[in-house]
PDB file of N, CA and C in Angstrom:
ATOM      1  N   MET A   1     132.382 115.378 132.986  1.00  0.00           N
ATOM      2  CA  MET A   1     131.662 116.450 132.337  1.00  0.00           C
ATOM      3  C   MET A   1     130.215 116.068 132.107  1.00  0.00           C
ATOM      4  N   LYS A   2     129.425 116.045 133.129  1.00  0.00           N
ATOM      5  CA  LYS A   2     128.013 115.716 133.000  1.00  0.00           C
ATOM      6  C   LYS A   2     127.286 116.747 132.152  1.00  0.00           C
ATOM      7  N   ASN A   3     127.616 118.012 132.327  1.00  0.00           N
ATOM      8  CA  ASN A   3     126.950 119.061 131.554  1.00  0.00           C
ATOM      9  C   ASN A   3     127.236 118.922 130.072  1.00  0.00           C
ATOM     10  N   GLY A   4     128.432 118.486 129.719  1.00  0.00           N
ATOM     11  CA  GLY A   4     128.783 118.280 128.316  1.00  0.00           C
ATOM     12  C   GLY A   4     127.892 117.242 127.663  1.00  0.00           C
ATOM     13  N   LYS A   5     127.581 116.182 128.395  1.00  0.00           N
ATOM     14  CA  LYS A   5     126.707 115.138 127.857  1.00  0.00           C
ATOM     15  C   LYS A   5     125.291 115.664 127.679  1.00  0.00           C
ATOM     16  N   LYS A   6     124.814 116.464 128.638  1.00  0.00           N
ATOM     17  CA  LYS A   6     123.482 117.045 128.505  1.00  0.00           C
ATOM     18  C   LYS A   6     123.410 117.940 127.281  1.00  0.00           C
ATOM     19  N   LEU A   7     124.436 118.737 127.074  1.00  0.00           N
ATOM     20  CA  LEU A   7     124.449 119.615 125.909  1.00  0.00           C
ATOM     21  C   LEU A   7     124.498 118.801 124.625  1.00  0.00           C
ATOM     22  N   LYS A   8     125.198 117.689 124.669  1.00  0.00           N
ATOM     23  CA  LYS A   8     125.287 116.815 123.505  1.00  0.00           C
ATOM     24  C   LYS A   8     123.910 116.252 123.150  1.00  0.00           C
ATOM     25  N   ASN A   9     123.083 116.051 124.148  1.00  0.00           N
ATOM     26  CA  ASN A   9     121.756 115.486 123.942  1.00  0.00           C
ATOM     27  C   ASN A   9     120.678 116.553 123.806  1.00  0.00           C
ATOM     28  N   THR A  10     121.045 117.708 123.309  1.00  0.00           N
ATOM     29  CA  THR A  10     120.090 118.793 123.133  1.00  0.00           C
ATOM     30  C   THR A  10     119.855 119.048 121.657  1.00  0.00           C
ATOM     31  N   ILE A  11     118.613 119.162 121.281  1.00  0.00           N
ATOM     32  CA  ILE A  11     118.256 119.589 119.936  1.00  0.00           C
ATOM     33  C   ILE A  11     117.639 120.966 120.086  1.00  0.00           C
ATOM     34  N   ARG A  12     118.201 121.943 119.401  1.00  0.00           N
ATOM     35  CA  ARG A  12     117.703 123.313 119.534  1.00  0.00           C
ATOM     36  C   ARG A  12     116.235 123.390 119.150  1.00  0.00           C
ATOM     37  N   GLY A  13     115.486 124.172 119.917  1.00  0.00           N
ATOM     38  CA  GLY A  13     114.078 124.381 119.630  1.00  0.00           C
ATOM     39  C   GLY A  13     113.153 123.426 120.363  1.00  0.00           C
ATOM     40  N   ILE A  14     113.667 122.316 120.858  1.00  0.00           N
ATOM     41  CA  ILE A  14     112.798 121.390 121.575  1.00  0.00           C
ATOM     42  C   ILE A  14     113.268 121.169 123.007  1.00  0.00           C
ATOM     43  N   GLY A  15     114.302 121.862 123.413  1.00  0.00           N
ATOM     44  CA  GLY A  15     114.792 121.720 124.773  1.00  0.00           C
ATOM     45  C   GLY A  15     115.627 120.470 124.939  1.00  0.00           C
ATOM     46  N   ILE A  16     115.936 120.169 126.167  1.00  0.00           N
ATOM     47  CA  ILE A  16     116.774 119.000 126.436  1.00  0.00           C
ATOM     48  C   ILE A  16     115.931 117.741 126.278  1.00  0.00           C
ATOM     49  N   GLN A  17     116.373 116.880 125.421  1.00  0.00           N
ATOM     50  CA  GLN A  17     115.715 115.607 125.145  1.00  0.00           C
ATOM     51  C   GLN A  17     116.777 114.522 125.192  1.00  0.00           C
ATOM     52  N   GLU A  18     116.351 113.322 125.465  1.00  0.00           N
ATOM     53  CA  GLU A  18     117.285 112.209 125.342  1.00  0.00           C
ATOM     54  C   GLU A  18     117.345 111.849 123.867  1.00  0.00           C
ATOM     55  N   VAL A  19     118.529 111.913 123.315  1.00  0.00           N
ATOM     56  CA  VAL A  19     118.744 111.611 121.907  1.00  0.00           C
ATOM     57  C   VAL A  19     119.738 110.463 121.823  1.00  0.00           C
ATOM     58  N   PHE A  20     119.388 109.441 121.048  1.00  0.00           N
ATOM     59  CA  PHE A  20     120.201 108.244 120.942  1.00  0.00           C
ATOM     60  C   PHE A  20     120.873 108.128 119.582  1.00  0.00           C
ATOM     61  N   THR A  21     121.983 107.434 119.556  1.00  0.00           N
ATOM     62  CA  THR A  21     122.543 106.919 118.310  1.00  0.00           C
ATOM     63  C   THR A  21     121.753 105.647 117.988  1.00  0.00           C
ATOM     64  N   VAL A  22     121.984 105.075 116.828  1.00  0.00           N
ATOM     65  CA  VAL A  22     121.301 103.832 116.468  1.00  0.00           C
ATOM     66  C   VAL A  22     121.649 102.733 117.472  1.00  0.00           C
ATOM     67  N   SER A  23     122.903 102.644 117.829  1.00  0.00           N
ATOM     68  CA  SER A  23     123.344 101.629 118.782  1.00  0.00           C
ATOM     69  C   SER A  23     122.678 101.816 120.147  1.00  0.00           C
ATOM     70  N   GLU A  24     122.625 103.052 120.626  1.00  0.00           N
ATOM     71  CA  GLU A  24     121.996 103.334 121.920  1.00  0.00           C
ATOM     72  C   GLU A  24     120.498 103.048 121.884  1.00  0.00           C
ATOM     73  N   ALA A  25     119.849 103.394 120.778  1.00  0.00           N
ATOM     74  CA  ALA A  25     118.412 103.146 120.646  1.00  0.00           C
ATOM     75  C   ALA A  25     118.124 101.647 120.627  1.00  0.00           C
ATOM     76  N   ALA A  26     118.951 100.893 119.925  1.00  0.00           N
ATOM     77  CA  ALA A  26     118.788  99.437 119.898  1.00  0.00           C
ATOM     78  C   ALA A  26     118.977  98.860 121.300  1.00  0.00           C
ATOM     79  N   ASP A  27     119.970  99.345 122.016  1.00  0.00           N
ATOM     80  CA  ASP A  27     120.184  98.902 123.398  1.00  0.00           C
ATOM     81  C   ASP A  27     118.979  99.244 124.268  1.00  0.00           C
ATOM     82  N   TYR A  28     118.420 100.423 124.075  1.00  0.00           N
ATOM     83  CA  TYR A  28     117.254 100.862 124.847  1.00  0.00           C
ATOM     84  C   TYR A  28     116.086  99.892 124.647  1.00  0.00           C
ATOM     85  N   LEU A  29     115.886  99.442 123.411  1.00  0.00           N
ATOM     86  CA  LEU A  29     114.799  98.507 123.115  1.00  0.00           C
ATOM     87  C   LEU A  29     115.199  97.049 123.336  1.00  0.00           C
ATOM     88  N   ARG A  30     116.486  96.836 123.643  1.00  0.00           N
ATOM     89  CA  ARG A  30     117.036  95.494 123.864  1.00  0.00           C
ATOM     90  C   ARG A  30     116.859  94.604 122.632  1.00  0.00           C
ATOM     91  N   ILE A  31     117.195  95.191 121.482  1.00  0.00           N
ATOM     92  CA  ILE A  31     117.181  94.457 120.223  1.00  0.00           C
ATOM     93  C   ILE A  31     118.522  94.682 119.531  1.00  0.00           C
ATOM     94  N   SER A  32     118.764  93.932 118.482  1.00  0.00           N
ATOM     95  CA  SER A  32     120.021  94.111 117.762  1.00  0.00           C
ATOM     96  C   SER A  32     119.991  95.410 116.958  1.00  0.00           C
ATOM     97  N   GLU A  33     121.169  95.923 116.684  1.00  0.00           N
ATOM     98  CA  GLU A  33     121.275  97.132 115.870  1.00  0.00           C
ATOM     99  C   GLU A  33     120.718  96.867 114.470  1.00  0.00           C
ATOM    100  N   ARG A  34     120.951  95.672 113.952  1.00  0.00           N
ATOM    101  CA  ARG A  34     120.441  95.313 112.620  1.00  0.00           C
ATOM    102  C   ARG A  34     118.912  95.359 112.584  1.00  0.00           C
ATOM    103  N   LEU A  35     118.270  94.784 113.603  1.00  0.00           N
ATOM    104  CA  LEU A  35     116.811  94.807 113.666  1.00  0.00           C
ATOM    105  C   LEU A  35     116.310  96.242 113.786  1.00  0.00           C
ATOM    106  N   PHE A  36     117.002  97.050 114.588  1.00  0.00           N
ATOM    107  CA  PHE A  36     116.588  98.445 114.737  1.00  0.00           C
ATOM    108  C   PHE A  36     116.642  99.164 113.390  1.00  0.00           C
ATOM    109  N   ARG A  37     117.724  98.957 112.638  1.00  0.00           N
ATOM    110  CA  ARG A  37     117.845  99.588 111.312  1.00  0.00           C
ATOM    111  C   ARG A  37     116.734  99.105 110.377  1.00  0.00           C
ATOM    112  N   ASP A  38     116.375  97.842 110.468  1.00  0.00           N
ATOM    113  CA  ASP A  38     115.260  97.328 109.665  1.00  0.00           C
ATOM    114  C   ASP A  38     113.948  98.012 110.058  1.00  0.00           C
ATOM    115  N   LEU A  39     113.748  98.229 111.349  1.00  0.00           N
ATOM    116  CA  LEU A  39     112.531  98.894 111.816  1.00  0.00           C
ATOM    117  C   LEU A  39     112.476 100.356 111.374  1.00  0.00           C
ATOM    118  N   MET A  40     113.639 100.975 111.199  1.00  0.00           N
ATOM    119  CA  MET A  40     113.676 102.351 110.689  1.00  0.00           C
ATOM    120  C   MET A  40     113.174 102.406 109.247  1.00  0.00           C
ATOM    121  N   LYS A  41     113.311 101.298 108.523  1.00  0.00           N
ATOM    122  CA  LYS A  41     112.918 101.236 107.112  1.00  0.00           C
ATOM    123  C   LYS A  41     111.558 100.572 106.909  1.00  0.00           C
ATOM    124  N   ASP A  42     110.902 100.193 107.986  1.00  0.00           N
ATOM    125  CA  ASP A  42     109.621  99.503 107.881  1.00  0.00           C
ATOM    126  C   ASP A  42     108.650 100.316 107.026  1.00  0.00           C
ATOM    127  N   PRO A  43     108.072  99.720 105.977  1.00  0.00           N
ATOM    128  CA  PRO A  43     107.218 100.493 105.070  1.00  0.00           C
ATOM    129  C   PRO A  43     105.895 100.950 105.681  1.00  0.00           C
ATOM    130  N   THR A  44     105.390 100.241 106.670  1.00  0.00           N
ATOM    131  CA  THR A  44     104.099 100.620 107.237  1.00  0.00           C
ATOM    132  C   THR A  44     104.197 101.480 108.486  1.00  0.00           C
ATOM    133  N   HIS A  45     105.221 101.251 109.297  1.00  0.00           N
ATOM    134  CA  HIS A  45     105.320 102.008 110.555  1.00  0.00           C
ATOM    135  C   HIS A  45     106.783 102.148 110.982  1.00  0.00           C
ATOM    136  N   PRO A  46     107.548 102.978 110.272  1.00  0.00           N
ATOM    137  CA  PRO A  46     108.978 103.106 110.599  1.00  0.00           C
ATOM    138  C   PRO A  46     109.225 103.888 111.889  1.00  0.00           C
ATOM    139  N   ILE A  47     110.311 103.559 112.551  1.00  0.00           N
ATOM    140  CA  ILE A  47     110.744 104.348 113.704  1.00  0.00           C
ATOM    141  C   ILE A  47     111.258 105.690 113.174  1.00  0.00           C
ATOM    142  N   PRO A  48     110.764 106.810 113.716  1.00  0.00           N
ATOM    143  CA  PRO A  48     111.241 108.117 113.240  1.00  0.00           C
ATOM    144  C   PRO A  48     112.692 108.372 113.644  1.00  0.00           C
ATOM    145  N   PHE A  49     113.433 109.015 112.735  1.00  0.00           N
ATOM    146  CA  PHE A  49     114.833 109.331 113.019  1.00  0.00           C
ATOM    147  C   PHE A  49     115.228 110.586 112.264  1.00  0.00           C
ATOM    148  N   TYR A  50     116.387 111.121 112.612  1.00  0.00           N
ATOM    149  CA  TYR A  50     116.908 112.352 112.014  1.00  0.00           C
ATOM    150  C   TYR A  50     118.281 112.081 111.423  1.00  0.00           C
ATOM    151  N   ARG A  51     118.496 112.579 110.220  1.00  0.00           N
ATOM    152  CA  ARG A  51     119.829 112.542 109.607  1.00  0.00           C
ATOM    153  C   ARG A  51     120.475 113.894 109.869  1.00  0.00           C
ATOM    154  N   ILE A  52     121.684 113.862 110.403  1.00  0.00           N
ATOM    155  CA  ILE A  52     122.373 115.084 110.808  1.00  0.00           C
ATOM    156  C   ILE A  52     123.697 115.175 110.071  1.00  0.00           C
ATOM    157  N   GLY A  53     124.131 116.388 109.824  1.00  0.00           N
ATOM    158  CA  GLY A  53     125.419 116.614 109.174  1.00  0.00           C
ATOM    159  C   GLY A  53     125.250 116.882 107.695  1.00  0.00           C
ATOM    160  N   SER A  54     126.301 117.378 107.095  1.00  0.00           N
ATOM    161  CA  SER A  54     126.235 117.769 105.690  1.00  0.00           C
ATOM    162  C   SER A  54     125.967 116.576 104.775  1.00  0.00           C
ATOM    163  N   ALA A  55     126.496 115.423 105.105  1.00  0.00           N
ATOM    164  CA  ALA A  55     126.280 114.236 104.277  1.00  0.00           C
ATOM    165  C   ALA A  55     125.094 113.411 104.776  1.00  0.00           C
ATOM    166  N   GLY A  56     124.523 113.798 105.909  1.00  0.00           N
ATOM    167  CA  GLY A  56     123.403 113.051 106.472  1.00  0.00           C
ATOM    168  C   GLY A  56     123.787 111.682 106.992  1.00  0.00           C
ATOM    169  N   ARG A  57     125.061 111.542 107.335  1.00  0.00           N
ATOM    170  CA  ARG A  57     125.540 110.234 107.791  1.00  0.00           C
ATOM    171  C   ARG A  57     125.210 109.953 109.250  1.00  0.00           C
ATOM    172  N   LEU A  58     125.129 110.990 110.051  1.00  0.00           N
ATOM    173  CA  LEU A  58     124.830 110.795 111.463  1.00  0.00           C
ATOM    174  C   LEU A  58     123.327 110.626 111.631  1.00  0.00           C
ATOM    175  N   ILE A  59     122.935 109.584 112.320  1.00  0.00           N
ATOM    176  CA  ILE A  59     121.521 109.325 112.571  1.00  0.00           C
ATOM    177  C   ILE A  59     121.277 109.453 114.064  1.00  0.00           C
ATOM    178  N   ARG A  60     120.227 110.177 114.408  1.00  0.00           N
ATOM    179  CA  ARG A  60     119.851 110.344 115.807  1.00  0.00           C
ATOM    180  C   ARG A  60     118.363 110.062 115.954  1.00  0.00           C
ATOM    181  N   ILE A  61     118.006 109.510 117.110  1.00  0.00           N
ATOM    182  CA  ILE A  61     116.632 109.134 117.388  1.00  0.00           C
ATOM    183  C   ILE A  61     116.261 109.678 118.760  1.00  0.00           C
ATOM    184  N   ARG A  62     115.129 110.366 118.829  1.00  0.00           N
ATOM    185  CA  ARG A  62     114.661 110.897 120.114  1.00  0.00           C
ATOM    186  C   ARG A  62     113.963 109.793 120.903  1.00  0.00           C
ATOM    187  N   LYS A  63     114.312 109.676 122.176  1.00  0.00           N
ATOM    188  CA  LYS A  63     113.727 108.653 123.045  1.00  0.00           C
ATOM    189  C   LYS A  63     112.214 108.778 123.089  1.00  0.00           C
ATOM    190  N   VAL A  64     111.720 109.991 123.191  1.00  0.00           N
ATOM    191  CA  VAL A  64     110.275 110.201 123.282  1.00  0.00           C
ATOM    192  C   VAL A  64     109.570 109.673 122.033  1.00  0.00           C
ATOM    193  N   GLU A  65     110.212 109.780 120.880  1.00  0.00           N
ATOM    194  CA  GLU A  65     109.600 109.269 119.654  1.00  0.00           C
ATOM    195  C   GLU A  65     109.654 107.744 119.583  1.00  0.00           C
ATOM    196  N   ILE A  66     110.685 107.152 120.165  1.00  0.00           N
ATOM    197  CA  ILE A  66     110.724 105.688 120.258  1.00  0.00           C
ATOM    198  C   ILE A  66     109.581 105.214 121.147  1.00  0.00           C
ATOM    199  N   ASP A  67     109.404 105.887 122.280  1.00  0.00           N
ATOM    200  CA  ASP A  67     108.336 105.512 123.207  1.00  0.00           C
ATOM    201  C   ASP A  67     106.961 105.646 122.554  1.00  0.00           C
ATOM    202  N   GLU A  68     106.753 106.728 121.793  1.00  0.00           N
ATOM    203  CA  GLU A  68     105.483 106.925 121.091  1.00  0.00           C
ATOM    204  C   GLU A  68     105.277 105.835 120.043  1.00  0.00           C
ATOM    205  N   TRP A  69     106.332 105.517 119.301  1.00  0.00           N
ATOM    206  CA  TRP A  69     106.268 104.467 118.285  1.00  0.00           C
ATOM    207  C   TRP A  69     105.916 103.132 118.937  1.00  0.00           C
ATOM    208  N   LEU A  70     106.544 102.860 120.059  1.00  0.00           N
ATOM    209  CA  LEU A  70     106.345 101.602 120.764  1.00  0.00           C
ATOM    210  C   LEU A  70     104.908 101.450 121.262  1.00  0.00           C
ATOM    211  N   GLU A  71     104.290 102.539 121.679  1.00  0.00           N
ATOM    212  CA  GLU A  71     102.908 102.509 122.170  1.00  0.00           C
ATOM    213  C   GLU A  71     101.940 101.970 121.122  1.00  0.00           C
ATOM    214  N   ASN A  72     102.254 102.156 119.844  1.00  0.00           N
ATOM    215  CA  ASN A  72     101.380 101.662 118.778  1.00  0.00           C
ATOM    216  C   ASN A  72     101.312 100.141 118.729  1.00  0.00           C
ATOM    217  N   PHE A  73     102.238  99.481 119.383  1.00  0.00           N
ATOM    218  CA  PHE A  73     102.273  98.024 119.373  1.00  0.00           C
ATOM    219  C   PHE A  73     101.834  97.423 120.701  1.00  0.00           C
ATOM    220  N   ARG A  74     101.348  98.263 121.576  1.00  0.00           N
ATOM    221  CA  ARG A  74     100.936  97.793 122.895  1.00  0.00           C
ATOM    222  C   ARG A  74      99.675  96.944 122.777  1.00  0.00           C
ATOM    223  N   SER A  75      99.693  95.820 123.432  1.00  0.00           N
ATOM    224  CA  SER A  75      98.500  94.979 123.469  1.00  0.00           C
ATOM    225  C   SER A  75      98.145  94.748 124.925  1.00  0.00           C
ATOM    226  N   THR A  76      96.878  94.573 125.154  1.00  0.00           N
ATOM    227  CA  THR A  76      96.439  94.321 126.518  1.00  0.00           C
ATOM    228  C   THR A  76      95.911  92.902 126.592  1.00  0.00           C
ATOM    229  N   SER A  77      96.194  92.261 127.663  1.00  0.00           N
ATOM    230  CA  SER A  77      95.715  90.897 127.841  1.00  0.00           C
ATOM    231  C   SER A  77      94.515  90.864 128.778  1.00  0.00           C
ATOM    232  N   GLU A  78      94.097  92.050 129.204  1.00  0.00           N
ATOM    233  CA  GLU A  78      92.941  92.115 130.085  1.00  0.00           C
ATOM    234  C   GLU A  78      91.683  91.745 129.314  1.00  0.00           C
ATOM    235  N   ILE A  79      90.872  90.925 129.905  1.00  0.00           N
ATOM    236  CA  ILE A  79      89.618  90.530 129.284  1.00  0.00           C
ATOM    237  C   ILE A  79      88.499  91.240 130.025  1.00  0.00           C
ATOM    238  N   ASP A  80      87.640  91.869 129.266  1.00  0.00           N
ATOM    239  CA  ASP A  80      86.489  92.536 129.860  1.00  0.00           C
ATOM    240  C   ASP A  80      85.538  91.445 130.351  1.00  0.00           C
ATOM    241  N   LEU A  81      85.365  91.361 131.652  1.00  0.00           N
ATOM    242  CA  LEU A  81      84.564  90.298 132.252  1.00  0.00           C
ATOM    243  C   LEU A  81      83.129  90.329 131.748  1.00  0.00           C
ATOM    244  N   ASP A  82      82.528  91.510 131.650  1.00  0.00           N
ATOM    245  CA  ASP A  82      81.153  91.612 131.154  1.00  0.00           C
ATOM    246  C   ASP A  82      81.044  91.093 129.729  1.00  0.00           C
ATOM    247  N   GLU A  83      82.017  91.439 128.900  1.00  0.00           N
ATOM    248  CA  GLU A  83      82.009  90.983 127.511  1.00  0.00           C
ATOM    249  C   GLU A  83      82.133  89.465 127.447  1.00  0.00           C
ATOM    250  N   MET A  84      82.966  88.907 128.290  1.00  0.00           N
ATOM    251  CA  MET A  84      83.162  87.463 128.318  1.00  0.00           C
ATOM    252  C   MET A  84      81.885  86.748 128.761  1.00  0.00           C
ATOM    253  N   ILE A  85      81.212  87.283 129.761  1.00  0.00           N
ATOM    254  CA  ILE A  85      79.960  86.687 130.251  1.00  0.00           C
ATOM    255  C   ILE A  85      78.897  86.757 129.169  1.00  0.00           C
ATOM    256  N   ASN A  86      78.794  87.904 128.501  1.00  0.00           N
ATOM    257  CA  ASN A  86      77.809  88.055 127.429  1.00  0.00           C
ATOM    258  C   ASN A  86      78.052  87.058 126.309  1.00  0.00           C
ATOM    259  N   GLU A  87      79.295  86.817 125.957  1.00  0.00           N
ATOM    260  CA  GLU A  87      79.609  85.854 124.905  1.00  0.00           C
ATOM    261  C   GLU A  87      79.238  84.434 125.325  1.00  0.00           C
ATOM    262  N   LEU A  88      79.410  84.118 126.596  1.00  0.00           N
ATOM    263  CA  LEU A  88      79.074  82.781 127.079  1.00  0.00           C
ATOM    264  C   LEU A  88      77.566  82.567 127.148  1.00  0.00           C
ATOM    265  N   ILE A  89      76.832  83.615 127.490  1.00  0.00           N
ATOM    266  CA  ILE A  89      75.379  83.514 127.616  1.00  0.00           C
ATOM    267  C   ILE A  89      74.720  83.441 126.247  1.00  0.00           C
ATOM    268  N   LEU A  90      75.229  84.229 125.312  1.00  0.00           N
ATOM    269  CA  LEU A  90      74.610  84.276 123.980  1.00  0.00           C
ATOM    270  C   LEU A  90      75.041  83.157 123.171  1.00  0.00           C
TER     271      LEU A  90
END
């Protein structure tokens, strides 16, 4: 039932999105579930998530929001050659 899985990963109003459980999201980032839960509670930059159900026990995370969150930690190792030359000359 491939279509059933697609429907399962749909949030009304935003179209078909990849939606993860905490375990799936941790696997996606290749980290432990415990670390992922800690990152959800990070006071400065938490991973966004949704509580679903009457008791709010089900947690779901959109893949696109994980990717956006992850971009904030991107670092580049490229060195601007002109900047490096200027620093050496000055």
